[in-house]
Amino acid sequence: MPFARRASDRRIEVFSSKLGRRLSLSSYAAWQLWLALDANPAVSTFCERPTFIAGSLRRVINFWVRFRRDLEAEFWLLDDADDVDESG
């Protein structure tokens, strides 16, 4: 999905060794979750911002995740309250 954002919004660029490509993340919480997904050997693959939830809020799904043990995958949605500035 395109990465639409205001000029004041956070954008974090990372490289995923598991996916072999760059990702653009929109929050510190998404960065923390990406780090856990990329380092977790139980995760076989994942995708950032795969789709959105239609409706009045039109929330973006943060990650689609597939584990090695499962044939099914999951959508993961971060709560906006999870993105807390811990710098000070």
C-alpha atoms as a PDB file:
ATOM      1  CA  MET A   1       0.000   0.000   0.000  1.00  0.00           C
ATOM      2  CA  PRO A   2       1.228   3.537  -0.641  1.00  0.00           C
ATOM      3  CA  PHE A   3       2.662   5.297   2.368  1.00  0.00           C
ATOM      4  CA  ALA A   4       0.441   8.387   2.694  1.00  0.00           C
ATOM      5  CA  ARG A   5       1.467  10.721   5.482  1.00  0.00           C
ATOM      6  CA  ARG A   6       1.571  14.323   6.597  1.00  0.00           C
ATOM      7  CA  ALA A   7       4.918  16.128   6.494  1.00  0.00           C
ATOM      8  CA  SER A   8       5.060  16.003  10.307  1.00  0.00           C
ATOM      9  CA  ASP A   9       4.454  12.234  10.529  1.00  0.00           C
ATOM     10  CA  ARG A  10       7.277   9.855  11.389  1.00  0.00           C
ATOM     11  CA  ARG A  11       8.790   7.665   8.671  1.00  0.00           C
ATOM     12  CA  ILE A  12      11.339   4.988   9.527  1.00  0.00           C
ATOM     13  CA  GLU A  13      13.248   3.232   6.732  1.00  0.00           C
ATOM     14  CA  VAL A  14      14.648  -0.232   7.525  1.00  0.00           C
ATOM     15  CA  PHE A  15      16.060  -3.226   5.651  1.00  0.00           C
ATOM     16  CA  SER A  16      14.538  -6.617   6.410  1.00  0.00           C
ATOM     17  CA  SER A  17      16.991  -9.483   6.135  1.00  0.00           C
ATOM     18  CA  LYS A  18      14.074 -11.927   6.251  1.00  0.00           C
ATOM     19  CA  LEU A  19      12.293 -10.280   3.286  1.00  0.00           C
ATOM     20  CA  GLY A  20      15.424  -9.095   1.488  1.00  0.00           C
ATOM     21  CA  ARG A  21      14.054  -5.594   0.871  1.00  0.00           C
ATOM     22  CA  ARG A  22      13.507  -2.141   2.383  1.00  0.00           C
ATOM     23  CA  LEU A  23      10.421  -1.295   4.420  1.00  0.00           C
ATOM     24  CA  SER A  24       8.890   2.063   5.371  1.00  0.00           C
ATOM     25  CA  LEU A  25       7.359   2.130   8.835  1.00  0.00           C
ATOM     26  CA  SER A  26       5.171   4.865  10.257  1.00  0.00           C
ATOM     27  CA  SER A  27       5.734   4.612  14.000  1.00  0.00           C
ATOM     28  CA  TYR A  28       8.131   3.590  16.722  1.00  0.00           C
ATOM     29  CA  ALA A  29       5.711   0.805  17.728  1.00  0.00           C
ATOM     30  CA  ALA A  30       5.741  -0.533  14.138  1.00  0.00           C
ATOM     31  CA  TRP A  31       9.552  -0.437  14.198  1.00  0.00           C
ATOM     32  CA  GLN A  32       9.613  -2.435  17.449  1.00  0.00           C
ATOM     33  CA  LEU A  33       7.192  -4.994  16.018  1.00  0.00           C
ATOM     34  CA  TRP A  34       9.162  -5.257  12.751  1.00  0.00           C
ATOM     35  CA  LEU A  35      12.342  -5.911  14.738  1.00  0.00           C
ATOM     36  CA  ALA A  36      10.624  -8.742  16.645  1.00  0.00           C
ATOM     37  CA  LEU A  37       9.155 -10.250  13.446  1.00  0.00           C
ATOM     38  CA  ASP A  38      12.412 -10.081  11.494  1.00  0.00           C
ATOM     39  CA  ALA A  39      14.402 -11.684  14.330  1.00  0.00           C
ATOM     40  CA  ASN A  40      11.852 -14.380  15.234  1.00  0.00           C
ATOM     41  CA  PRO A  41      12.742 -17.755  13.636  1.00  0.00           C
ATOM     42  CA  ALA A  42       9.117 -18.919  14.070  1.00  0.00           C
ATOM     43  CA  VAL A  43       7.963 -16.246  11.577  1.00  0.00           C
ATOM     44  CA  SER A  44       8.334 -17.471   7.993  1.00  0.00           C
ATOM     45  CA  THR A  45       7.285 -14.240   6.259  1.00  0.00           C
ATOM     46  CA  PHE A  46       5.417 -10.988   6.776  1.00  0.00           C
ATOM     47  CA  CYS A  47       4.331  -7.864   4.924  1.00  0.00           C
ATOM     48  CA  GLU A  48       3.979  -4.293   6.197  1.00  0.00           C
ATOM     49  CA  ARG A  49       0.754  -2.333   5.518  1.00  0.00           C
ATOM     50  CA  PRO A  50      -0.860  -5.046   3.355  1.00  0.00           C
ATOM     51  CA  THR A  51      -4.344  -3.470   3.341  1.00  0.00           C
ATOM     52  CA  PHE A  52      -6.724  -1.246   5.287  1.00  0.00           C
ATOM     53  CA  ILE A  53      -9.996  -1.585   7.164  1.00  0.00           C
ATOM     54  CA  ALA A  54     -12.722   0.180   5.212  1.00  0.00           C
ATOM     55  CA  GLY A  55     -15.044   2.494   7.092  1.00  0.00           C
ATOM     56  CA  SER A  56     -15.087   5.900   8.655  1.00  0.00           C
ATOM     57  CA  LEU A  57     -11.646   5.542  10.272  1.00  0.00           C
ATOM     58  CA  ARG A  58     -10.014   3.701   7.351  1.00  0.00           C
ATOM     59  CA  ARG A  59      -7.295   2.202   9.565  1.00  0.00           C
ATOM     60  CA  VAL A  60      -4.263   0.621   7.933  1.00  0.00           C
ATOM     61  CA  ILE A  61      -3.400  -2.947   8.934  1.00  0.00           C
ATOM     62  CA  ASN A  62       0.215  -2.789  10.130  1.00  0.00           C
ATOM     63  CA  PHE A  63       1.408  -6.311   9.319  1.00  0.00           C
ATOM     64  CA  TRP A  64       0.377  -9.579   7.711  1.00  0.00           C
ATOM     65  CA  VAL A  65       2.272 -12.401   9.470  1.00  0.00           C
ATOM     66  CA  ARG A  66       2.747 -16.104   8.688  1.00  0.00           C
ATOM     67  CA  PHE A  67       4.378 -18.477  11.165  1.00  0.00           C
ATOM     68  CA  ARG A  68       6.303 -21.590  10.098  1.00  0.00           C
ATOM     69  CA  ARG A  69       4.016 -23.904  12.092  1.00  0.00           C
ATOM     70  CA  ASP A  70       0.754 -22.578  10.573  1.00  0.00           C
ATOM     71  CA  LEU A  71      -0.799 -22.750   7.134  1.00  0.00           C
ATOM     72  CA  GLU A  72      -2.875 -19.701   8.010  1.00  0.00           C
ATOM     73  CA  ALA A  73      -1.683 -16.126   8.377  1.00  0.00           C
ATOM     74  CA  GLU A  74      -2.761 -13.271  10.639  1.00  0.00           C
ATOM     75  CA  PHE A  75      -3.332  -9.544  10.241  1.00  0.00           C
ATOM     76  CA  TRP A  76      -1.826  -7.433  13.049  1.00  0.00           C
ATOM     77  CA  LEU A  77      -3.103  -3.949  13.882  1.00  0.00           C
ATOM     78  CA  LEU A  78      -1.216  -1.642  16.254  1.00  0.00           C
ATOM     79  CA  ASP A  79      -3.181   0.701  18.471  1.00  0.00           C
ATOM     80  CA  ASP A  80      -2.266   4.374  17.927  1.00  0.00           C
ATOM     81  CA  ALA A  81      -1.699   4.601  21.695  1.00  0.00           C
ATOM     82  CA  ASP A  82       1.168   2.094  21.292  1.00  0.00           C
ATOM     83  CA  ASP A  83       3.318   4.753  19.606  1.00  0.00           C
ATOM     84  CA  VAL A  84       4.652   6.513  22.685  1.00  0.00           C
ATOM     85  CA  ASP A  85       7.711   8.724  22.488  1.00  0.00           C
ATOM     86  CA  GLU A  86      10.152   7.142  24.932  1.00  0.00           C
ATOM     87  CA  SER A  87      12.994   9.584  24.271  1.00  0.00           C
ATOM     88  CA  GLY A  88      12.640  11.507  27.451  1.00  0.00           C
END
